[in-house]
Amino acid sequence: MQNPFKMLGDLNAMRKQAMQIQSMLEKEEFDVSVGNVRVVITGNQNVKLVEVDGERQQNLERAFNEAIKKSQHAAAGKLQELAKGM
């Protein structure tokens, strides 16, 4: 049986590393234009800008962010289910 304190330390180190990666991703931006549509999204999947014909579409930004958030929550739920089985 593994030492539970070592496992806890390993888990804490992984958590810190994940937080560092998330912080780095927040600072990255990806700017994509296709035809008359432009989207700017951060590395942590936050939509910062949606433009159609040069006009900002804040409703689309909010809708995309809400959809992404829902999919992330669903994925987190699945991961928790998997973790319980371990």
Protein backbone atom coordinates (compact mmCIF):
# COMPACT_ATOMS: atom_id res chain seq x y z
CA MET A 1 0.00 0.00 0.00
CA GLN A 2 1.30 3.43 -0.92
CA ASN A 3 1.96 6.09 1.67
CA PRO A 4 -1.18 8.28 1.75
CA PHE A 5 0.87 11.36 2.66
CA LYS A 6 3.09 10.89 -0.39
CA MET A 7 0.00 10.47 -2.56
CA LEU A 8 -1.44 13.69 -1.10
CA GLY A 9 1.84 15.50 -1.82
CA ASP A 10 1.84 14.22 -5.39
CA LEU A 11 -1.76 15.34 -5.83
CA ASN A 12 -0.92 18.80 -4.47
CA ALA A 13 2.04 19.09 -6.87
CA MET A 14 -0.19 18.12 -9.80
CA ARG A 15 -2.77 20.70 -8.70
CA LYS A 16 -0.12 23.44 -8.56
CA GLN A 17 1.15 22.48 -12.00
CA ALA A 18 -2.40 22.55 -13.41
CA MET A 19 -2.94 26.02 -11.93
CA GLN A 20 0.30 27.26 -13.52
CA ILE A 21 -0.73 25.89 -16.91
CA GLN A 22 -4.18 27.48 -16.57
CA SER A 23 -2.57 30.83 -15.73
CA MET A 24 -0.34 30.60 -18.79
CA LEU A 25 -3.29 29.70 -21.01
CA GLU A 26 -5.32 32.68 -19.75
CA LYS A 27 -2.67 34.99 -21.19
CA GLU A 28 -2.67 33.42 -24.66
CA GLU A 29 -5.10 34.61 -27.31
CA PHE A 30 -6.06 33.05 -30.61
CA ASP A 31 -7.43 35.37 -33.28
CA VAL A 32 -9.15 33.65 -36.20
CA SER A 33 -10.91 35.21 -39.18
CA VAL A 34 -12.98 33.26 -41.67
CA GLY A 35 -14.75 35.27 -44.31
CA ASN A 36 -16.55 38.13 -42.56
CA VAL A 37 -16.35 36.54 -39.10
CA ARG A 38 -13.60 37.15 -36.54
CA VAL A 39 -13.28 35.31 -33.23
CA VAL A 40 -10.76 35.93 -30.44
CA ILE A 41 -10.52 33.26 -27.76
CA THR A 42 -8.12 32.74 -24.87
CA GLY A 43 -6.17 29.56 -24.26
CA ASN A 44 -8.54 28.66 -21.43
CA GLN A 45 -11.48 28.76 -23.86
CA ASN A 46 -12.93 32.15 -22.95
CA VAL A 47 -14.40 33.92 -26.00
CA LYS A 48 -13.25 37.52 -25.84
CA LEU A 49 -14.57 38.82 -29.15
CA VAL A 50 -16.94 37.84 -31.95
CA GLU A 51 -17.26 40.20 -34.89
CA VAL A 52 -19.41 39.81 -37.99
CA ASP A 53 -18.78 42.33 -40.77
CA GLY A 54 -16.62 44.32 -38.32
CA GLU A 55 -19.44 44.66 -35.76
CA ARG A 56 -19.04 43.17 -32.32
CA GLN A 57 -21.63 40.52 -31.46
CA GLN A 58 -21.82 40.45 -27.66
CA ASN A 59 -24.82 38.09 -27.63
CA LEU A 60 -22.78 35.56 -29.59
CA GLU A 61 -19.85 36.01 -27.19
CA ARG A 62 -22.11 35.32 -24.21
CA ALA A 63 -23.77 32.35 -25.93
CA PHE A 64 -20.42 30.78 -26.86
CA ASN A 65 -19.03 31.30 -23.36
CA GLU A 66 -22.14 29.76 -21.78
CA ALA A 67 -21.99 26.76 -24.13
CA ILE A 68 -18.29 26.25 -23.39
CA LYS A 69 -18.95 26.50 -19.64
CA LYS A 70 -21.71 23.87 -19.86
CA SER A 71 -19.47 21.49 -21.81
CA GLN A 72 -16.64 21.98 -19.30
CA HIS A 73 -18.99 21.20 -16.39
CA ALA A 74 -20.18 18.06 -18.16
CA ALA A 75 -16.57 16.97 -18.77
CA ALA A 76 -15.67 17.67 -15.13
CA GLY A 77 -18.62 15.56 -14.01
CA LYS A 78 -17.45 12.65 -16.17
CA LEU A 79 -13.92 12.97 -14.79
CA GLN A 80 -15.26 12.90 -11.24
CA GLU A 81 -17.17 9.71 -12.04
CA LEU A 82 -13.98 8.16 -13.38
CA ALA A 83 -11.99 9.27 -10.32
CA LYS A 84 -14.53 7.62 -8.00
CA GLY A 85 -13.91 4.31 -9.74
CA MET A 86 -10.17 4.45 -9.07
